[in-house]
Amino acid sequence: MNLFRSEEHIKNWQGYRPGTEGGIVALKDLVGLFSLDFMRRRLDTDYVSRSGEYVDGLLSAVAGIGKEIPFWAIESQG
């Protein structure tokens, strides 16, 4: 994960690859994704049995920030 000040700085970075714009996420949105049960509950004893529920929440959040393209595509387990 690389953190940049702006999308312009990302596109000026020597490691930038055109076509990867779908992977650009604002820091506030990343904080939101990492605060979901999908990440927070990883050490719970029932995590695996409830993972489908957590993935559904993650998918909803990803769609909510406008990341519905193949770069972010994962299939729901539920």
Protein backbone atom coordinates (compact mmCIF):
# COMPACT_ATOMS: atom_id res chain seq x y z
CA MET A 1 0.00 0.00 0.00
CA ASN A 2 1.33 3.40 -0.97
CA LEU A 3 -0.07 6.63 0.42
CA PHE A 4 -0.07 9.73 -1.76
CA ARG A 5 -1.19 13.30 -1.23
CA SER A 6 -3.37 13.40 -4.33
CA GLU A 7 -4.36 11.47 -7.43
CA GLU A 8 -2.09 13.80 -9.42
CA HIS A 9 0.89 12.65 -7.33
CA ILE A 10 -0.07 9.04 -7.94
CA LYS A 11 -0.13 9.57 -11.69
CA ASN A 12 3.29 11.29 -11.56
CA TRP A 13 4.84 8.41 -9.57
CA GLN A 14 7.33 6.37 -11.62
CA GLY A 15 5.61 3.13 -10.54
CA TYR A 16 2.17 4.23 -11.73
CA ARG A 17 0.55 2.01 -14.34
CA PRO A 18 -2.27 3.41 -16.50
CA GLY A 19 -5.41 1.36 -16.11
CA THR A 20 -5.05 0.92 -12.34
CA GLU A 21 -7.12 3.97 -11.42
CA GLY A 22 -9.76 1.66 -9.91
CA GLY A 23 -7.36 0.81 -7.12
CA ILE A 24 -7.03 4.40 -5.97
CA VAL A 25 -8.87 4.84 -2.67
CA ALA A 26 -9.05 7.88 -0.41
CA LEU A 27 -7.55 7.40 3.05
CA LYS A 28 -10.89 8.05 4.77
CA ASP A 29 -12.43 5.25 2.70
CA LEU A 30 -9.58 2.86 3.59
CA VAL A 31 -10.09 3.62 7.27
CA GLY A 32 -13.76 2.78 6.82
CA LEU A 33 -12.98 -0.52 5.08
CA PHE A 34 -10.45 -1.57 7.73
CA SER A 35 -12.93 -0.79 10.51
CA LEU A 36 -15.48 -3.30 9.20
CA ASP A 37 -16.08 -6.65 10.89
CA PHE A 38 -14.26 -8.33 7.98
CA MET A 39 -11.01 -6.95 9.42
CA ARG A 40 -11.83 -6.26 13.07
CA ARG A 41 -13.19 -9.71 13.91
CA ARG A 42 -10.40 -11.84 12.42
CA LEU A 43 -9.39 -13.21 15.83
CA ASP A 44 -12.94 -14.11 16.95
CA THR A 45 -13.48 -17.84 17.46
CA ASP A 46 -16.49 -17.80 15.11
CA TYR A 47 -14.83 -15.73 12.38
CA VAL A 48 -14.74 -18.50 9.77
CA SER A 49 -18.37 -19.49 10.30
CA ARG A 50 -19.46 -15.86 10.03
CA SER A 51 -17.06 -14.84 7.26
CA GLY A 52 -19.80 -14.84 4.62
CA GLU A 53 -21.67 -12.22 6.62
CA TYR A 54 -18.50 -10.17 6.95
CA VAL A 55 -17.71 -10.43 3.23
CA ASP A 56 -21.20 -9.20 2.39
CA GLY A 57 -20.56 -6.13 4.56
CA LEU A 58 -17.22 -5.56 2.85
CA LEU A 59 -18.76 -5.85 -0.61
CA SER A 60 -21.46 -3.35 0.31
CA ALA A 61 -18.87 -0.91 1.63
CA VAL A 62 -16.67 -1.29 -1.45
CA ALA A 63 -19.68 -0.63 -3.68
CA GLY A 64 -20.58 2.34 -1.46
CA ILE A 65 -17.29 4.04 -2.25
CA GLY A 66 -17.79 3.42 -5.96
CA LYS A 67 -15.36 0.52 -6.36
CA GLU A 68 -17.41 -1.99 -8.34
CA ILE A 69 -14.93 -2.65 -11.11
CA PRO A 70 -12.96 -5.88 -11.57
CA PHE A 71 -9.97 -4.50 -9.62
CA TRP A 72 -12.05 -4.84 -6.43
CA ALA A 73 -14.18 -7.81 -7.43
CA ILE A 74 -14.51 -10.60 -4.91
CA GLU A 75 -17.37 -13.04 -4.71
CA SER A 76 -19.68 -13.19 -1.73
CA GLN A 77 -19.47 -16.36 0.36
CA GLY A 78 -23.00 -15.97 1.67
